PDB file of N, CA and C in Angstrom:
ATOM      1  N   UNK A   1      14.551   5.407  27.676  1.00  0.00           N
ATOM      2  CA  UNK A   1      13.309   6.107  27.882  1.00  0.00           C
ATOM      3  C   UNK A   1      12.263   5.099  28.327  1.00  0.00           C
ATOM      4  N   UNK A   2      11.701   5.293  29.475  1.00  0.00           N
ATOM      5  CA  UNK A   2      10.687   4.400  30.018  1.00  0.00           C
ATOM      6  C   UNK A   2       9.322   4.869  29.528  1.00  0.00           C
ATOM      7  N   UNK A   3       8.599   3.938  28.940  1.00  0.00           N
ATOM      8  CA  UNK A   3       7.284   4.301  28.414  1.00  0.00           C
ATOM      9  C   UNK A   3       6.250   4.288  29.518  1.00  0.00           C
ATOM     10  N   UNK A   4       5.346   5.199  29.424  1.00  0.00           N
ATOM     11  CA  UNK A   4       4.244   5.252  30.367  1.00  0.00           C
ATOM     12  C   UNK A   4       3.135   4.340  29.871  1.00  0.00           C
ATOM     13  N   UNK A   5       2.368   3.752  30.788  1.00  0.00           N
ATOM     14  CA  UNK A   5       1.268   2.885  30.346  1.00  0.00           C
ATOM     15  C   UNK A   5       0.289   3.665  29.473  1.00  0.00           C
ATOM     16  N   UNK A   6      -0.078   3.089  28.365  1.00  0.00           N
ATOM     17  CA  UNK A   6      -1.028   3.730  27.463  1.00  0.00           C
ATOM     18  C   UNK A   6      -0.421   4.833  26.617  1.00  0.00           C
ATOM     19  N   UNK A   7       0.903   4.982  26.684  1.00  0.00           N
ATOM     20  CA  UNK A   7       1.563   6.050  25.927  1.00  0.00           C
ATOM     21  C   UNK A   7       1.677   5.646  24.462  1.00  0.00           C
ATOM     22  N   UNK A   8       1.502   6.592  23.600  1.00  0.00           N
ATOM     23  CA  UNK A   8       1.638   6.342  22.173  1.00  0.00           C
ATOM     24  C   UNK A   8       3.112   6.278  21.807  1.00  0.00           C
ATOM     25  N   UNK A   9       3.460   5.422  20.866  1.00  0.00           N
ATOM     26  CA  UNK A   9       4.841   5.311  20.412  1.00  0.00           C
ATOM     27  C   UNK A   9       5.178   6.509  19.532  1.00  0.00           C
ATOM     28  N   UNK A  10       6.374   7.018  19.681  1.00  0.00           N
ATOM     29  CA  UNK A  10       6.839   8.122  18.855  1.00  0.00           C
ATOM     30  C   UNK A  10       7.492   7.509  17.629  1.00  0.00           C
ATOM     31  N   UNK A  11       6.971   7.780  16.463  1.00  0.00           N
ATOM     32  CA  UNK A  11       7.429   7.134  15.239  1.00  0.00           C
ATOM     33  C   UNK A  11       8.864   7.521  14.886  1.00  0.00           C
ATOM     34  N   UNK A  12       9.320   8.684  15.297  1.00  0.00           N
ATOM     35  CA  UNK A  12      10.676   9.101  14.959  1.00  0.00           C
ATOM     36  C   UNK A  12      11.722   8.307  15.703  1.00  0.00           C
ATOM     37  N   UNK A  13      11.326   7.547  16.720  1.00  0.00           N
ATOM     38  CA  UNK A  13      12.300   6.732  17.431  1.00  0.00           C
ATOM     39  C   UNK A  13      12.387   5.321  16.851  1.00  0.00           C
ATOM     40  N   UNK A  14      11.617   5.015  15.824  1.00  0.00           N
ATOM     41  CA  UNK A  14      11.653   3.692  15.209  1.00  0.00           C
ATOM     42  C   UNK A  14      12.940   3.530  14.404  1.00  0.00           C
ATOM     43  N   UNK A  15      13.492   2.336  14.438  1.00  0.00           N
ATOM     44  CA  UNK A  15      14.715   2.050  13.689  1.00  0.00           C
ATOM     45  C   UNK A  15      14.384   1.856  12.217  1.00  0.00           C
ATOM     46  N   UNK A  16      15.386   2.070  11.369  1.00  0.00           N
ATOM     47  CA  UNK A  16      15.194   1.800   9.945  1.00  0.00           C
ATOM     48  C   UNK A  16      15.216   0.289   9.739  1.00  0.00           C
ATOM     49  N   UNK A  17      14.650  -0.162   8.650  1.00  0.00           N
ATOM     50  CA  UNK A  17      14.611  -1.599   8.386  1.00  0.00           C
ATOM     51  C   UNK A  17      16.023  -2.114   8.107  1.00  0.00           C
ATOM     52  N   UNK A  18      16.211  -3.385   8.329  1.00  0.00           N
ATOM     53  CA  UNK A  18      17.542  -3.980   8.136  1.00  0.00           C
ATOM     54  C   UNK A  18      17.987  -3.865   6.678  1.00  0.00           C
ATOM     55  N   UNK A  19      17.077  -4.092   5.741  1.00  0.00           N
ATOM     56  CA  UNK A  19      17.452  -4.016   4.325  1.00  0.00           C
ATOM     57  C   UNK A  19      17.861  -2.593   3.938  1.00  0.00           C
ATOM     58  N   UNK A  20      17.177  -1.572   4.468  1.00  0.00           N
ATOM     59  CA  UNK A  20      17.569  -0.183   4.188  1.00  0.00           C
ATOM     60  C   UNK A  20      18.936   0.127   4.793  1.00  0.00           C
ATOM     61  N   UNK A  21      19.188  -0.379   5.997  1.00  0.00           N
ATOM     62  CA  UNK A  21      20.468  -0.155   6.655  1.00  0.00           C
ATOM     63  C   UNK A  21      21.605  -0.803   5.863  1.00  0.00           C
ATOM     64  N   UNK A  22      21.391  -2.027   5.394  1.00  0.00           N
ATOM     65  CA  UNK A  22      22.418  -2.725   4.610  1.00  0.00           C
ATOM     66  C   UNK A  22      22.664  -2.008   3.293  1.00  0.00           C
ATOM     67  N   UNK A  23      21.584  -1.539   2.640  1.00  0.00           N
ATOM     68  CA  UNK A  23      21.743  -0.827   1.368  1.00  0.00           C
ATOM     69  C   UNK A  23      22.553   0.458   1.554  1.00  0.00           C
ATOM     70  N   UNK A  24      22.287   1.197   2.628  1.00  0.00           N
ATOM     71  CA  UNK A  24      23.053   2.425   2.888  1.00  0.00           C
ATOM     72  C   UNK A  24      24.527   2.120   3.145  1.00  0.00           C
ATOM     73  N   UNK A  25      24.781   1.060   3.905  1.00  0.00           N
ATOM     74  CA  UNK A  25      26.169   0.674   4.186  1.00  0.00           C
ATOM     75  C   UNK A  25      26.899   0.287   2.904  1.00  0.00           C
ATOM     76  N   UNK A  26      26.231  -0.477   2.049  1.00  0.00           N
ATOM     77  CA  UNK A  26      26.841  -0.884   0.788  1.00  0.00           C
ATOM     78  C   UNK A  26      27.128   0.325  -0.096  1.00  0.00           C
ATOM     79  N   UNK A  27      26.207   1.276  -0.129  1.00  0.00           N
ATOM     80  CA  UNK A  27      26.425   2.472  -0.945  1.00  0.00           C
ATOM     81  C   UNK A  27      27.623   3.268  -0.434  1.00  0.00           C
ATOM     82  N   UNK A  28      27.719   3.449   0.890  1.00  0.00           N
ATOM     83  CA  UNK A  28      28.852   4.174   1.448  1.00  0.00           C
ATOM     84  C   UNK A  28      30.168   3.467   1.136  1.00  0.00           C
ATOM     85  N   UNK A  29      30.170   2.133   1.235  1.00  0.00           N
ATOM     86  CA  UNK A  29      31.385   1.371   0.956  1.00  0.00           C
ATOM     87  C   UNK A  29      31.770   1.491  -0.518  1.00  0.00           C
ATOM     88  N   UNK A  30      30.787   1.369  -1.405  1.00  0.00           N
ATOM     89  CA  UNK A  30      31.082   1.451  -2.835  1.00  0.00           C
ATOM     90  C   UNK A  30      31.588   2.842  -3.236  1.00  0.00           C
ATOM     91  N   UNK A  31      31.039   3.879  -2.645  1.00  0.00           N
ATOM     92  CA  UNK A  31      31.529   5.234  -2.927  1.00  0.00           C
ATOM     93  C   UNK A  31      32.980   5.367  -2.460  1.00  0.00           C
ATOM     94  N   UNK A  32      33.276   4.857  -1.272  1.00  0.00           N
ATOM     95  CA  UNK A  32      34.647   4.932  -0.751  1.00  0.00           C
ATOM     96  C   UNK A  32      35.614   4.141  -1.634  1.00  0.00           C
ATOM     97  N   UNK A  33      35.182   2.981  -2.109  1.00  0.00           N
ATOM     98  CA  UNK A  33      36.050   2.186  -2.977  1.00  0.00           C
ATOM     99  C   UNK A  33      36.209   2.841  -4.353  1.00  0.00           C
ATOM    100  N   UNK A  34      35.199   3.549  -4.802  1.00  0.00           N
ATOM    101  CA  UNK A  34      35.333   4.306  -6.049  1.00  0.00           C
ATOM    102  C   UNK A  34      36.366   5.412  -5.914  1.00  0.00           C
ATOM    103  N   UNK A  35      36.328   6.114  -4.783  1.00  0.00           N
ATOM    104  CA  UNK A  35      37.331   7.160  -4.533  1.00  0.00           C
ATOM    105  C   UNK A  35      38.719   6.537  -4.444  1.00  0.00           C
ATOM    106  N   UNK A  36      38.827   5.364  -3.827  1.00  0.00           N
ATOM    107  CA  UNK A  36      40.122   4.677  -3.723  1.00  0.00           C
ATOM    108  C   UNK A  36      40.646   4.314  -5.114  1.00  0.00           C
ATOM    109  N   UNK A  37      39.769   3.831  -5.988  1.00  0.00           N
ATOM    110  CA  UNK A  37      40.185   3.472  -7.341  1.00  0.00           C
ATOM    111  C   UNK A  37      40.701   4.692  -8.091  1.00  0.00           C
ATOM    112  N   UNK A  38      40.009   5.815  -7.944  1.00  0.00           N
ATOM    113  CA  UNK A  38      40.448   7.057  -8.590  1.00  0.00           C
ATOM    114  C   UNK A  38      41.822   7.473  -8.042  1.00  0.00           C
ATOM    115  N   UNK A  39      42.007   7.369  -6.722  1.00  0.00           N
ATOM    116  CA  UNK A  39      43.300   7.714  -6.119  1.00  0.00           C
ATOM    117  C   UNK A  39      44.405   6.811  -6.652  1.00  0.00           C
ATOM    118  N   UNK A  40      44.109   5.518  -6.807  1.00  0.00           N
ATOM    119  CA  UNK A  40      45.121   4.590  -7.316  1.00  0.00           C
ATOM    120  C   UNK A  40      45.500   4.924  -8.755  1.00  0.00           C
ATOM    121  N   UNK A  41      44.501   5.210  -9.581  1.00  0.00           N
ATOM    122  CA  UNK A  41      44.784   5.566 -10.986  1.00  0.00           C
ATOM    123  C   UNK A  41      45.586   6.861 -11.036  1.00  0.00           C
ATOM    124  N   UNK A  42      45.218   7.857 -10.213  1.00  0.00           N
ATOM    125  CA  UNK A  42      45.961   9.116 -10.195  1.00  0.00           C
ATOM    126  C   UNK A  42      47.381   8.920  -9.664  1.00  0.00           C
ATOM    127  N   UNK A  43      47.581   7.974  -8.766  1.00  0.00           N
ATOM    128  CA  UNK A  43      48.931   7.686  -8.274  1.00  0.00           C
ATOM    129  C   UNK A  43      49.794   7.097  -9.377  1.00  0.00           C
ATOM    130  N   UNK A  44      49.187   6.316 -10.268  1.00  0.00           N
ATOM    131  CA  UNK A  44      49.943   5.707 -11.364  1.00  0.00           C
ATOM    132  C   UNK A  44      50.302   6.741 -12.421  1.00  0.00           C
ATOM    133  N   UNK A  45      49.400   7.672 -12.731  1.00  0.00           N
ATOM    134  CA  UNK A  45      49.642   8.607 -13.832  1.00  0.00           C
ATOM    135  C   UNK A  45      50.328   9.899 -13.393  1.00  0.00           C
ATOM    136  N   UNK A  46      50.364  10.190 -12.101  1.00  0.00           N
ATOM    137  CA  UNK A  46      51.004  11.438 -11.663  1.00  0.00           C
ATOM    138  C   UNK A  46      52.451  11.168 -11.245  1.00  0.00           C
ATOM    139  N   UNK A  47      53.142  12.251 -10.937  1.00  0.00           N
ATOM    140  CA  UNK A  47      54.536  12.102 -10.512  1.00  0.00           C
ATOM    141  C   UNK A  47      54.810  13.058  -9.351  1.00  0.00           C
ATOM    142  N   UNK A  48      55.937  12.824  -8.688  1.00  0.00           N
ATOM    143  CA  UNK A  48      56.352  13.709  -7.602  1.00  0.00           C
ATOM    144  C   UNK A  48      55.594  13.431  -6.307  1.00  0.00           C
ATOM    145  N   UNK A  49      55.525  14.458  -5.448  1.00  0.00           N
ATOM    146  CA  UNK A  49      54.874  14.276  -4.143  1.00  0.00           C
ATOM    147  C   UNK A  49      53.382  13.971  -4.252  1.00  0.00           C
ATOM    148  N   UNK A  50      52.767  14.447  -5.325  1.00  0.00           N
ATOM    149  CA  UNK A  50      51.346  14.182  -5.516  1.00  0.00           C
ATOM    150  C   UNK A  50      51.097  12.683  -5.666  1.00  0.00           C
ATOM    151  N   UNK A  51      52.018  11.992  -6.334  1.00  0.00           N
ATOM    152  CA  UNK A  51      51.895  10.541  -6.497  1.00  0.00           C
ATOM    153  C   UNK A  51      51.829   9.854  -5.145  1.00  0.00           C
ATOM    154  N   UNK A  52      52.691  10.259  -4.216  1.00  0.00           N
ATOM    155  CA  UNK A  52      52.731   9.626  -2.904  1.00  0.00           C
ATOM    156  C   UNK A  52      51.489   9.966  -2.079  1.00  0.00           C
ATOM    157  N   UNK A  53      50.949  11.138  -2.278  1.00  0.00           N
ATOM    158  CA  UNK A  53      49.699  11.485  -1.595  1.00  0.00           C
ATOM    159  C   UNK A  53      48.551  10.614  -2.071  1.00  0.00           C
ATOM    160  N   UNK A  54      48.449  10.437  -3.385  1.00  0.00           N
ATOM    161  CA  UNK A  54      47.404   9.571  -3.922  1.00  0.00           C
ATOM    162  C   UNK A  54      47.616   8.119  -3.496  1.00  0.00           C
ATOM    163  N   UNK A  55      48.873   7.683  -3.490  1.00  0.00           N
ATOM    164  CA  UNK A  55      49.174   6.313  -3.078  1.00  0.00           C
ATOM    165  C   UNK A  55      48.795   6.087  -1.606  1.00  0.00           C
ATOM    166  N   UNK A  56      49.124   7.049  -0.765  1.00  0.00           N
ATOM    167  CA  UNK A  56      48.773   6.946   0.656  1.00  0.00           C
ATOM    168  C   UNK A  56      47.257   6.893   0.834  1.00  0.00           C
ATOM    169  N   UNK A  57      46.545   7.740   0.097  1.00  0.00           N
ATOM    170  CA  UNK A  57      45.081   7.733   0.182  1.00  0.00           C
ATOM    171  C   UNK A  57      44.524   6.389  -0.291  1.00  0.00           C
ATOM    172  N   UNK A  58      45.097   5.813  -1.341  1.00  0.00           N
ATOM    173  CA  UNK A  58      44.624   4.527  -1.856  1.00  0.00           C
ATOM    174  C   UNK A  58      44.877   3.399  -0.858  1.00  0.00           C
ATOM    175  N   UNK A  59      45.926   3.531  -0.036  1.00  0.00           N
ATOM    176  CA  UNK A  59      46.218   2.504   0.965  1.00  0.00           C
ATOM    177  C   UNK A  59      45.340   2.672   2.204  1.00  0.00           C
ATOM    178  N   UNK A  60      45.068   3.908   2.609  1.00  0.00           N
ATOM    179  CA  UNK A  60      44.318   4.172   3.842  1.00  0.00           C
ATOM    180  C   UNK A  60      42.804   4.052   3.637  1.00  0.00           C
ATOM    181  N   UNK A  61      42.327   4.359   2.464  1.00  0.00           N
ATOM    182  CA  UNK A  61      40.874   4.382   2.228  1.00  0.00           C
ATOM    183  C   UNK A  61      40.135   3.066   2.489  1.00  0.00           C
ATOM    184  N   UNK A  62      40.719   1.878   2.250  1.00  0.00           N
ATOM    185  CA  UNK A  62      39.957   0.658   2.580  1.00  0.00           C
ATOM    186  C   UNK A  62      39.605   0.571   4.066  1.00  0.00           C
ATOM    187  N   UNK A  63      40.529   0.938   4.937  1.00  0.00           N
ATOM    188  CA  UNK A  63      40.243   0.928   6.367  1.00  0.00           C
ATOM    189  C   UNK A  63      39.141   1.930   6.697  1.00  0.00           C
ATOM    190  N   UNK A  64      39.268   3.125   6.167  1.00  0.00           N
ATOM    191  CA  UNK A  64      38.265   4.160   6.420  1.00  0.00           C
ATOM    192  C   UNK A  64      36.910   3.726   5.860  1.00  0.00           C
ATOM    193  N   UNK A  65      36.901   3.101   4.687  1.00  0.00           N
ATOM    194  CA  UNK A  65      35.647   2.669   4.067  1.00  0.00           C
ATOM    195  C   UNK A  65      34.935   1.625   4.918  1.00  0.00           C
ATOM    196  N   UNK A  66      35.688   0.702   5.491  1.00  0.00           N
ATOM    197  CA  UNK A  66      35.072  -0.328   6.327  1.00  0.00           C
ATOM    198  C   UNK A  66      34.515   0.285   7.602  1.00  0.00           C
ATOM    199  N   UNK A  67      35.270   1.186   8.219  1.00  0.00           N
ATOM    200  CA  UNK A  67      34.797   1.817   9.456  1.00  0.00           C
ATOM    201  C   UNK A  67      33.549   2.644   9.186  1.00  0.00           C
ATOM    202  N   UNK A  68      33.558   3.414   8.118  1.00  0.00           N
ATOM    203  CA  UNK A  68      32.405   4.259   7.787  1.00  0.00           C
ATOM    204  C   UNK A  68      31.198   3.399   7.394  1.00  0.00           C
ATOM    205  N   UNK A  69      31.434   2.331   6.653  1.00  0.00           N
ATOM    206  CA  UNK A  69      30.326   1.484   6.214  1.00  0.00           C
ATOM    207  C   UNK A  69      29.697   0.729   7.381  1.00  0.00           C
ATOM    208  N   UNK A  70      30.471   0.444   8.415  1.00  0.00           N
ATOM    209  CA  UNK A  70      29.941  -0.319   9.541  1.00  0.00           C
ATOM    210  C   UNK A  70      29.280   0.538  10.606  1.00  0.00           C
ATOM    211  N   UNK A  71      29.316   1.842  10.455  1.00  0.00           N
ATOM    212  CA  UNK A  71      28.598   2.687  11.403  1.00  0.00           C
ATOM    213  C   UNK A  71      27.136   2.687  11.006  1.00  0.00           C
ATOM    214  N   UNK A  72      26.309   2.256  11.912  1.00  0.00           N
ATOM    215  CA  UNK A  72      24.882   2.218  11.601  1.00  0.00           C
ATOM    216  C   UNK A  72      24.281   3.594  11.870  1.00  0.00           C
ATOM    217  N   UNK A  73      23.224   3.875  11.176  1.00  0.00           N
ATOM    218  CA  UNK A  73      22.541   5.145  11.389  1.00  0.00           C
ATOM    219  C   UNK A  73      21.658   5.003  12.610  1.00  0.00           C
ATOM    220  N   UNK A  74      21.867   5.855  13.565  1.00  0.00           N
ATOM    221  CA  UNK A  74      21.069   5.815  14.784  1.00  0.00           C
ATOM    222  C   UNK A  74      20.223   7.068  14.837  1.00  0.00           C
ATOM    223  N   UNK A  75      18.981   6.854  15.111  1.00  0.00           N
ATOM    224  CA  UNK A  75      18.096   8.003  15.261  1.00  0.00           C
ATOM    225  C   UNK A  75      18.125   8.457  16.700  1.00  0.00           C
ATOM    226  N   UNK A  76      18.043   9.724  16.866  1.00  0.00           N
ATOM    227  CA  UNK A  76      18.022  10.275  18.212  1.00  0.00           C
ATOM    228  C   UNK A  76      16.657   9.992  18.824  1.00  0.00           C
ATOM    229  N   UNK A  77      16.682   9.392  20.006  1.00  0.00           N
ATOM    230  CA  UNK A  77      15.429   9.080  20.675  1.00  0.00           C
ATOM    231  C   UNK A  77      14.872  10.350  21.288  1.00  0.00           C
ATOM    232  N   UNK A  78      13.707  10.701  20.862  1.00  0.00           N
ATOM    233  CA  UNK A  78      13.065  11.900  21.366  1.00  0.00           C
ATOM    234  C   UNK A  78      12.216  11.564  22.571  1.00  0.00           C
ATOM    235  N   UNK A  79      12.203  12.423  23.513  1.00  0.00           N
ATOM    236  CA  UNK A  79      11.353  12.235  24.680  1.00  0.00           C
ATOM    237  C   UNK A  79       9.916  12.503  24.275  1.00  0.00           C
ATOM    238  N   UNK A  80       9.026  11.681  24.755  1.00  0.00           N
ATOM    239  CA  UNK A  80       7.621  11.890  24.427  1.00  0.00           C
ATOM    240  C   UNK A  80       6.948  12.797  25.448  1.00  0.00           C
ATOM    241  N   UNK A  81       7.733  13.424  26.315  1.00  0.00           N
ATOM    242  CA  UNK A  81       7.176  14.288  27.357  1.00  0.00           C
ATOM    243  C   UNK A  81       6.320  15.428  26.805  1.00  0.00           C
ATOM    244  N   UNK A  82       6.655  16.054  25.665  1.00  0.00           N
ATOM    245  CA  UNK A  82       5.805  17.146  25.181  1.00  0.00           C
ATOM    246  C   UNK A  82       4.394  16.695  24.821  1.00  0.00           C
ATOM    247  N   UNK A  83       4.195  15.406  24.644  1.00  0.00           N
ATOM    248  CA  UNK A  83       2.887  14.919  24.255  1.00  0.00           C
ATOM    249  C   UNK A  83       1.973  14.643  25.448  1.00  0.00           C
ATOM    250  N   UNK A  84       2.529  14.711  26.642  1.00  0.00           N
ATOM    251  CA  UNK A  84       1.735  14.477  27.838  1.00  0.00           C
ATOM    252  C   UNK A  84       1.560  15.791  28.572  1.00  0.00           C
ATOM    253  N   UNK A  85       0.388  16.000  29.072  1.00  0.00           N
ATOM    254  CA  UNK A  85       0.134  17.223  29.830  1.00  0.00           C
ATOM    255  C   UNK A  85       0.069  16.883  31.303  1.00  0.00           C
ATOM    256  N   UNK A  86       0.413  17.829  32.120  1.00  0.00           N
ATOM    257  CA  UNK A  86       0.292  17.590  33.553  1.00  0.00           C
ATOM    258  C   UNK A  86      -1.149  17.862  33.986  1.00  0.00           C
ATOM    259  N   UNK A  87      -1.487  17.418  35.174  1.00  0.00           N
ATOM    260  CA  UNK A  87      -2.870  17.540  35.649  1.00  0.00           C
ATOM    261  C   UNK A  87      -3.308  18.994  35.799  1.00  0.00           C
ATOM    262  N   UNK A  88      -2.381  19.895  36.071  1.00  0.00           N
ATOM    263  CA  UNK A  88      -2.743  21.297  36.273  1.00  0.00           C
ATOM    264  C   UNK A  88      -3.266  21.921  34.984  1.00  0.00           C
ATOM    265  N   UNK A  89      -2.837  21.419  33.835  1.00  0.00           N
ATOM    266  CA  UNK A  89      -3.247  21.998  32.567  1.00  0.00           C
ATOM    267  C   UNK A  89      -4.344  21.189  31.891  1.00  0.00           C
ATOM    268  N   UNK A  90      -4.844  20.146  32.540  1.00  0.00           N
ATOM    269  CA  UNK A  90      -5.861  19.296  31.930  1.00  0.00           C
ATOM    270  C   UNK A  90      -7.180  20.051  31.803  1.00  0.00           C
ATOM    271  N   UNK A  91      -7.900  19.765  30.742  1.00  0.00           N
ATOM    272  CA  UNK A  91      -9.203  20.384  30.530  1.00  0.00           C
ATOM    273  C   UNK A  91     -10.223  19.776  31.479  1.00  0.00           C
ATOM    274  N   UNK A  92     -11.111  20.606  31.923  1.00  0.00           N
ATOM    275  CA  UNK A  92     -12.174  20.125  32.803  1.00  0.00           C
ATOM    276  C   UNK A  92     -13.305  19.578  31.945  1.00  0.00           C
ATOM    277  N   UNK A  93     -14.070  18.669  32.539  1.00  0.00           N
ATOM    278  CA  UNK A  93     -15.203  18.082  31.845  1.00  0.00           C
ATOM    279  C   UNK A  93     -16.364  19.071  31.798  1.00  0.00           C
ATOM    280  N   UNK A  94     -17.464  18.672  31.197  1.00  0.00           N
ATOM    281  CA  UNK A  94     -18.646  19.551  31.136  1.00  0.00           C
ATOM    282  C   UNK A  94     -19.198  19.754  32.545  1.00  0.00           C
ATOM    283  N   UNK A  95     -19.877  20.877  32.769  1.00  0.00           N
ATOM    284  CA  UNK A  95     -20.423  21.120  34.093  1.00  0.00           C
ATOM    285  C   UNK A  95     -21.476  20.078  34.448  1.00  0.00           C
ATOM    286  N   UNK A  96     -21.550  19.767  35.728  1.00  0.00           N
ATOM    287  CA  UNK A  96     -22.517  18.773  36.203  1.00  0.00           C
ATOM    288  C   UNK A  96     -23.887  19.431  36.324  1.00  0.00           C
ATOM    289  N   UNK A  97     -24.852  18.987  35.551  1.00  0.00           N
ATOM    290  CA  UNK A  97     -26.192  19.591  35.544  1.00  0.00           C
ATOM    291  C   UNK A  97     -27.215  18.710  36.231  1.00  0.00           C
ATOM    292  N   UNK A  98     -26.800  17.693  36.982  1.00  0.00           N
ATOM    293  CA  UNK A  98     -27.727  16.777  37.619  1.00  0.00           C
ATOM    294  C   UNK A  98     -28.320  17.349  38.918  1.00  0.00           C
ATOM    295  N   UNK A  99     -27.865  18.409  39.461  1.00  0.00           N
ATOM    296  CA  UNK A  99     -28.357  18.901  40.746  1.00  0.00           C
ATOM    297  C   UNK A  99     -29.599  19.673  40.645  1.00  0.00           C
TER     298      UNK A  99
END
């Protein structure tokens, strides 16, 4: 998006701070690892096909957790076009009373 001279910045297009981004990534990773731990414990205590499902989930989840944790949150860049009016719709100034 090319900014026009004198155009106001749209705050919704601002990126989140690095510390907030890192905190969100860490939270997503920790939640995924918590689910993996639960799957591993359930694989140990269960039997039959369910055991293998939990075991498979416990093996695959670290990869998924890393991929999900490394996706940064991107805000959609909004066009600032609605904030600019064209000349046809511009308000006219006060009438000239100097004549």
